[in-house]
Amino acid sequence: MNIRLVAIDLDDTLLDSGLQISPRCFAAIKAVREKGVLVTLATGRMFRSALPYARQLNMDIPLITYQGAW
């Protein structure tokens, strides 16, 4: 099976208790991308709330926000 997309939740998954992305998570995402897998965020948050994290991760694909409604 070829994995083509990884969608990651923000709260209590990607973000730590200080609402930061750890260096370990950055490294894991980089490793996945190097294998040709697309990575995006999937969150219940508003788009505006998720966008700064997507920018930190240099994402250039659509985000899944508003519980999947956007």
PDB file of N, CA and C in Angstrom:
ATOM      1  N   MET A   1       0.848  -1.182   0.000  1.00  0.00           N
ATOM      2  CA  MET A   1       0.000   0.000   0.000  1.00  0.00           C
ATOM      3  C   MET A   1       0.892   1.244   0.000  1.00  0.00           C
ATOM      4  N   ASN A   2       0.625   2.150  -0.911  1.00  0.00           N
ATOM      5  CA  ASN A   2       1.349   3.416  -0.965  1.00  0.00           C
ATOM      6  C   ASN A   2       0.558   4.498  -0.254  1.00  0.00           C
ATOM      7  N   ILE A   3       1.174   5.123   0.719  1.00  0.00           N
ATOM      8  CA  ILE A   3       0.544   6.245   1.413  1.00  0.00           C
ATOM      9  C   ILE A   3       0.854   7.498   0.612  1.00  0.00           C
ATOM     10  N   ARG A   4      -0.190   8.239   0.267  1.00  0.00           N
ATOM     11  CA  ARG A   4      -0.004   9.436  -0.541  1.00  0.00           C
ATOM     12  C   ARG A   4      -0.266  10.720   0.223  1.00  0.00           C
ATOM     13  N   LEU A   5      -1.009  10.626   1.340  1.00  0.00           N
ATOM     14  CA  LEU A   5      -1.359  11.816   2.111  1.00  0.00           C
ATOM     15  C   LEU A   5      -1.422  11.471   3.593  1.00  0.00           C
ATOM     16  N   VAL A   6      -0.852  12.346   4.405  1.00  0.00           N
ATOM     17  CA  VAL A   6      -0.974  12.260   5.860  1.00  0.00           C
ATOM     18  C   VAL A   6      -1.666  13.538   6.312  1.00  0.00           C
ATOM     19  N   ALA A   7      -2.771  13.387   7.040  1.00  0.00           N
ATOM     20  CA  ALA A   7      -3.506  14.533   7.578  1.00  0.00           C
ATOM     21  C   ALA A   7      -3.356  14.488   9.098  1.00  0.00           C
ATOM     22  N   ILE A   8      -2.873  15.582   9.670  1.00  0.00           N
ATOM     23  CA  ILE A   8      -2.538  15.620  11.092  1.00  0.00           C
ATOM     24  C   ILE A   8      -3.426  16.616  11.819  1.00  0.00           C
ATOM     25  N   ASP A   9      -4.002  16.177  12.928  1.00  0.00           N
ATOM     26  CA  ASP A   9      -4.767  17.060  13.803  1.00  0.00           C
ATOM     27  C   ASP A   9      -3.804  17.975  14.554  1.00  0.00           C
ATOM     28  N   LEU A  10      -4.293  19.120  14.982  1.00  0.00           N
ATOM     29  CA  LEU A  10      -3.456  20.058  15.727  1.00  0.00           C
ATOM     30  C   LEU A  10      -3.513  19.808  17.231  1.00  0.00           C
ATOM     31  N   ASP A  11      -4.659  20.065  17.828  1.00  0.00           N
ATOM     32  CA  ASP A  11      -4.782  20.055  19.279  1.00  0.00           C
ATOM     33  C   ASP A  11      -4.645  18.648  19.855  1.00  0.00           C
ATOM     34  N   ASP A  12      -3.764  18.528  20.835  1.00  0.00           N
ATOM     35  CA  ASP A  12      -3.475  17.254  21.513  1.00  0.00           C
ATOM     36  C   ASP A  12      -2.895  16.188  20.592  1.00  0.00           C
ATOM     37  N   THR A  13      -2.440  16.596  19.420  1.00  0.00           N
ATOM     38  CA  THR A  13      -1.784  15.664  18.505  1.00  0.00           C
ATOM     39  C   THR A  13      -0.457  16.270  18.053  1.00  0.00           C
ATOM     40  N   LEU A  14      -0.498  17.248  17.173  1.00  0.00           N
ATOM     41  CA  LEU A  14       0.717  17.877  16.678  1.00  0.00           C
ATOM     42  C   LEU A  14       1.270  18.904  17.669  1.00  0.00           C
ATOM     43  N   LEU A  15       0.378  19.622  18.335  1.00  0.00           N
ATOM     44  CA  LEU A  15       0.803  20.696  19.231  1.00  0.00           C
ATOM     45  C   LEU A  15       1.005  20.182  20.653  1.00  0.00           C
ATOM     46  N   ASP A  16       2.038  20.720  21.310  1.00  0.00           N
ATOM     47  CA  ASP A  16       2.259  20.366  22.711  1.00  0.00           C
ATOM     48  C   ASP A  16       1.395  21.250  23.612  1.00  0.00           C
ATOM     49  N   SER A  17       1.561  21.139  24.910  1.00  0.00           N
ATOM     50  CA  SER A  17       0.727  21.892  25.847  1.00  0.00           C
ATOM     51  C   SER A  17       0.942  23.401  25.744  1.00  0.00           C
ATOM     52  N   GLY A  18       2.058  23.813  25.164  1.00  0.00           N
ATOM     53  CA  GLY A  18       2.333  25.235  24.935  1.00  0.00           C
ATOM     54  C   GLY A  18       1.916  25.708  23.555  1.00  0.00           C
ATOM     55  N   LEU A  19       1.161  24.863  22.842  1.00  0.00           N
ATOM     56  CA  LEU A  19       0.672  25.156  21.485  1.00  0.00           C
ATOM     57  C   LEU A  19       1.814  25.376  20.491  1.00  0.00           C
ATOM     58  N   GLN A  20       2.879  24.622  20.670  1.00  0.00           N
ATOM     59  CA  GLN A  20       4.041  24.681  19.789  1.00  0.00           C
ATOM     60  C   GLN A  20       4.231  23.334  19.096  1.00  0.00           C
ATOM     61  N   ILE A  21       4.863  23.376  17.928  1.00  0.00           N
ATOM     62  CA  ILE A  21       5.232  22.154  17.213  1.00  0.00           C
ATOM     63  C   ILE A  21       6.652  21.804  17.626  1.00  0.00           C
ATOM     64  N   SER A  22       6.847  20.614  18.143  1.00  0.00           N
ATOM     65  CA  SER A  22       8.167  20.219  18.640  1.00  0.00           C
ATOM     66  C   SER A  22       9.140  19.974  17.487  1.00  0.00           C
ATOM     67  N   PRO A  23      10.433  20.107  17.761  1.00  0.00           N
ATOM     68  CA  PRO A  23      11.434  19.776  16.737  1.00  0.00           C
ATOM     69  C   PRO A  23      11.297  18.328  16.257  1.00  0.00           C
ATOM     70  N   ARG A  24      10.893  17.438  17.140  1.00  0.00           N
ATOM     71  CA  ARG A  24      10.712  16.028  16.761  1.00  0.00           C
ATOM     72  C   ARG A  24       9.604  15.898  15.713  1.00  0.00           C
ATOM     73  N   CYS A  25       8.510  16.647  15.899  1.00  0.00           N
ATOM     74  CA  CYS A  25       7.416  16.607  14.922  1.00  0.00           C
ATOM     75  C   CYS A  25       7.850  17.211  13.593  1.00  0.00           C
ATOM     76  N   PHE A  26       8.585  18.335  13.637  1.00  0.00           N
ATOM     77  CA  PHE A  26       9.107  18.925  12.405  1.00  0.00           C
ATOM     78  C   PHE A  26       9.937  17.892  11.643  1.00  0.00           C
ATOM     79  N   ALA A  27      10.809  17.180  12.364  1.00  0.00           N
ATOM     80  CA  ALA A  27      11.673  16.183  11.735  1.00  0.00           C
ATOM     81  C   ALA A  27      10.864  15.032  11.142  1.00  0.00           C
ATOM     82  N   ALA A  28       9.840  14.586  11.857  1.00  0.00           N
ATOM     83  CA  ALA A  28       9.009  13.481  11.355  1.00  0.00           C
ATOM     84  C   ALA A  28       8.266  13.894  10.085  1.00  0.00           C
ATOM     85  N   ILE A  29       7.743  15.102  10.076  1.00  0.00           N
ATOM     86  CA  ILE A  29       7.030  15.599   8.897  1.00  0.00           C
ATOM     87  C   ILE A  29       7.993  15.730   7.721  1.00  0.00           C
ATOM     88  N   LYS A  30       9.181  16.217   7.987  1.00  0.00           N
ATOM     89  CA  LYS A  30      10.191  16.339   6.921  1.00  0.00           C
ATOM     90  C   LYS A  30      10.520  14.966   6.333  1.00  0.00           C
ATOM     91  N   ALA A  31      10.688  13.966   7.195  1.00  0.00           N
ATOM     92  CA  ALA A  31      11.015  12.619   6.734  1.00  0.00           C
ATOM     93  C   ALA A  31       9.899  12.040   5.871  1.00  0.00           C
ATOM     94  N   VAL A  32       8.666  12.269   6.257  1.00  0.00           N
ATOM     95  CA  VAL A  32       7.529  11.786   5.472  1.00  0.00           C
ATOM     96  C   VAL A  32       7.500  12.466   4.108  1.00  0.00           C
ATOM     97  N   ARG A  33       7.702  13.777   4.099  1.00  0.00           N
ATOM     98  CA  ARG A  33       7.711  14.507   2.828  1.00  0.00           C
ATOM     99  C   ARG A  33       8.817  14.041   1.907  1.00  0.00           C
ATOM    100  N   GLU A  34       9.965  13.723   2.477  1.00  0.00           N
ATOM    101  CA  GLU A  34      11.091  13.255   1.662  1.00  0.00           C
ATOM    102  C   GLU A  34      10.777  11.932   0.965  1.00  0.00           C
ATOM    103  N   LYS A  35       9.789  11.216   1.459  1.00  0.00           N
ATOM    104  CA  LYS A  35       9.349   9.982   0.817  1.00  0.00           C
ATOM    105  C   LYS A  35       8.280  10.247  -0.238  1.00  0.00           C
ATOM    106  N   GLY A  36       7.963  11.531  -0.464  1.00  0.00           N
ATOM    107  CA  GLY A  36       6.989  11.887  -1.486  1.00  0.00           C
ATOM    108  C   GLY A  36       5.550  11.916  -1.009  1.00  0.00           C
ATOM    109  N   VAL A  37       5.356  11.850   0.295  1.00  0.00           N
ATOM    110  CA  VAL A  37       4.008  11.863   0.856  1.00  0.00           C
ATOM    111  C   VAL A  37       3.591  13.301   1.135  1.00  0.00           C
ATOM    112  N   LEU A  38       2.373  13.649   0.742  1.00  0.00           N
ATOM    113  CA  LEU A  38       1.836  14.980   1.041  1.00  0.00           C
ATOM    114  C   LEU A  38       1.401  15.032   2.502  1.00  0.00           C
ATOM    115  N   VAL A  39       1.576  16.181   3.138  1.00  0.00           N
ATOM    116  CA  VAL A  39       1.188  16.356   4.539  1.00  0.00           C
ATOM    117  C   VAL A  39       0.318  17.601   4.643  1.00  0.00           C
ATOM    118  N   THR A  40      -0.822  17.460   5.331  1.00  0.00           N
ATOM    119  CA  THR A  40      -1.704  18.589   5.559  1.00  0.00           C
ATOM    120  C   THR A  40      -2.219  18.548   6.993  1.00  0.00           C
ATOM    121  N   LEU A  41      -2.928  19.588   7.370  1.00  0.00           N
ATOM    122  CA  LEU A  41      -3.547  19.653   8.684  1.00  0.00           C
ATOM    123  C   LEU A  41      -5.031  19.335   8.559  1.00  0.00           C
ATOM    124  N   ALA A  42      -5.562  18.610   9.534  1.00  0.00           N
ATOM    125  CA  ALA A  42      -6.993  18.314   9.611  1.00  0.00           C
ATOM    126  C   ALA A  42      -7.428  18.666  11.028  1.00  0.00           C
ATOM    127  N   THR A  43      -8.242  19.701  11.160  1.00  0.00           N
ATOM    128  CA  THR A  43      -8.559  20.222  12.481  1.00  0.00           C
ATOM    129  C   THR A  43      -9.991  20.741  12.555  1.00  0.00           C
ATOM    130  N   GLY A  44     -10.491  20.802  13.735  1.00  0.00           N
ATOM    131  CA  GLY A  44     -11.786  21.429  13.969  1.00  0.00           C
ATOM    132  C   GLY A  44     -11.683  22.931  14.073  1.00  0.00           C
ATOM    133  N   ARG A  45     -10.481  23.434  14.088  1.00  0.00           N
ATOM    134  CA  ARG A  45     -10.256  24.879  14.197  1.00  0.00           C
ATOM    135  C   ARG A  45     -10.700  25.626  12.945  1.00  0.00           C
ATOM    136  N   MET A  46     -10.831  26.947  13.136  1.00  0.00           N
ATOM    137  CA  MET A  46     -11.091  27.825  11.992  1.00  0.00           C
ATOM    138  C   MET A  46      -9.842  27.867  11.107  1.00  0.00           C
ATOM    139  N   PHE A  47     -10.042  28.149   9.844  1.00  0.00           N
ATOM    140  CA  PHE A  47      -8.921  28.245   8.907  1.00  0.00           C
ATOM    141  C   PHE A  47      -7.876  29.236   9.403  1.00  0.00           C
ATOM    142  N   ARG A  48      -8.324  30.411   9.859  1.00  0.00           N
ATOM    143  CA  ARG A  48      -7.383  31.439  10.323  1.00  0.00           C
ATOM    144  C   ARG A  48      -6.545  30.976  11.499  1.00  0.00           C
ATOM    145  N   SER A  49      -7.079  30.106  12.302  1.00  0.00           N
ATOM    146  CA  SER A  49      -6.354  29.585  13.457  1.00  0.00           C
ATOM    147  C   SER A  49      -5.332  28.510  13.058  1.00  0.00           C
ATOM    148  N   ALA A  50      -5.620  27.764  12.025  1.00  0.00           N
ATOM    149  CA  ALA A  50      -4.726  26.708  11.565  1.00  0.00           C
ATOM    150  C   ALA A  50      -3.629  27.235  10.638  1.00  0.00           C
ATOM    151  N   LEU A  51      -3.900  28.323   9.960  1.00  0.00           N
ATOM    152  CA  LEU A  51      -2.969  28.840   8.951  1.00  0.00           C
ATOM    153  C   LEU A  51      -1.564  29.128   9.475  1.00  0.00           C
ATOM    154  N   PRO A  52      -1.392  29.741  10.640  1.00  0.00           N
ATOM    155  CA  PRO A  52      -0.011  29.988  11.108  1.00  0.00           C
ATOM    156  C   PRO A  52       0.804  28.699  11.262  1.00  0.00           C
ATOM    157  N   TYR A  53       0.164  27.624  11.691  1.00  0.00           N
ATOM    158  CA  TYR A  53       0.878  26.351  11.825  1.00  0.00           C
ATOM    159  C   TYR A  53       1.217  25.779  10.453  1.00  0.00           C
ATOM    160  N   ALA A  54       0.311  25.902   9.507  1.00  0.00           N
ATOM    161  CA  ALA A  54       0.589  25.452   8.140  1.00  0.00           C
ATOM    162  C   ALA A  54       1.759  26.226   7.551  1.00  0.00           C
ATOM    163  N   ARG A  55       1.820  27.493   7.839  1.00  0.00           N
ATOM    164  CA  ARG A  55       2.943  28.311   7.343  1.00  0.00           C
ATOM    165  C   ARG A  55       4.254  27.893   7.992  1.00  0.00           C
ATOM    166  N   GLN A  56       4.226  27.600   9.290  1.00  0.00           N
ATOM    167  CA  GLN A  56       5.441  27.122   9.968  1.00  0.00           C
ATOM    168  C   GLN A  56       5.975  25.861   9.306  1.00  0.00           C
ATOM    169  N   LEU A  57       5.060  25.040   8.843  1.00  0.00           N
ATOM    170  CA  LEU A  57       5.423  23.770   8.218  1.00  0.00           C
ATOM    171  C   LEU A  57       5.604  23.882   6.706  1.00  0.00           C
ATOM    172  N   ASN A  58       5.517  25.095   6.180  1.00  0.00           N
ATOM    173  CA  ASN A  58       5.674  25.345   4.733  1.00  0.00           C
ATOM    174  C   ASN A  58       4.720  24.505   3.894  1.00  0.00           C
ATOM    175  N   MET A  59       3.478  24.407   4.333  1.00  0.00           N
ATOM    176  CA  MET A  59       2.474  23.651   3.582  1.00  0.00           C
ATOM    177  C   MET A  59       1.937  24.490   2.436  1.00  0.00           C
ATOM    178  N   ASP A  60       1.814  23.856   1.299  1.00  0.00           N
ATOM    179  CA  ASP A  60       1.279  24.550   0.125  1.00  0.00           C
ATOM    180  C   ASP A  60       0.139  23.765  -0.510  1.00  0.00           C
ATOM    181  N   ILE A  61      -0.547  22.972   0.317  1.00  0.00           N
ATOM    182  CA  ILE A  61      -1.719  22.230  -0.148  1.00  0.00           C
ATOM    183  C   ILE A  61      -2.907  22.620   0.729  1.00  0.00           C
ATOM    184  N   PRO A  62      -4.116  22.301   0.304  1.00  0.00           N
ATOM    185  CA  PRO A  62      -5.291  22.681   1.102  1.00  0.00           C
ATOM    186  C   PRO A  62      -5.258  22.098   2.514  1.00  0.00           C
ATOM    187  N   LEU A  63      -5.841  22.847   3.429  1.00  0.00           N
ATOM    188  CA  LEU A  63      -5.999  22.411   4.815  1.00  0.00           C
ATOM    189  C   LEU A  63      -7.421  21.925   5.017  1.00  0.00           C
ATOM    190  N   ILE A  64      -7.613  21.028   5.964  1.00  0.00           N
ATOM    191  CA  ILE A  64      -8.949  20.554   6.343  1.00  0.00           C
ATOM    192  C   ILE A  64      -9.283  21.248   7.654  1.00  0.00           C
ATOM    193  N   THR A  65     -10.292  22.140   7.632  1.00  0.00           N
ATOM    194  CA  THR A  65     -10.615  22.923   8.818  1.00  0.00           C
ATOM    195  C   THR A  65     -12.117  22.880   9.095  1.00  0.00           C
ATOM    196  N   TYR A  66     -12.522  23.515  10.180  1.00  0.00           N
ATOM    197  CA  TYR A  66     -13.942  23.565  10.562  1.00  0.00           C
ATOM    198  C   TYR A  66     -14.568  22.167  10.609  1.00  0.00           C
ATOM    199  N   GLN A  67     -13.878  21.216  11.257  1.00  0.00           N
ATOM    200  CA  GLN A  67     -14.350  19.828  11.352  1.00  0.00           C
ATOM    201  C   GLN A  67     -14.591  19.184   9.984  1.00  0.00           C
ATOM    202  N   GLY A  68     -13.842  19.606   8.997  1.00  0.00           N
ATOM    203  CA  GLY A  68     -13.982  19.047   7.656  1.00  0.00           C
ATOM    204  C   GLY A  68     -14.933  19.821   6.760  1.00  0.00           C
ATOM    205  N   ALA A  69     -15.565  20.855   7.294  1.00  0.00           N
ATOM    206  CA  ALA A  69     -16.518  21.629   6.493  1.00  0.00           C
ATOM    207  C   ALA A  69     -15.820  22.576   5.525  1.00  0.00           C
ATOM    208  N   TRP A  70     -14.541  22.856   5.731  1.00  0.00           N
ATOM    209  CA  TRP A  70     -13.815  23.756   4.839  1.00  0.00           C
ATOM    210  C   TRP A  70     -12.528  23.085   4.435  1.00  0.00           C
TER     211      TRP A  70
END
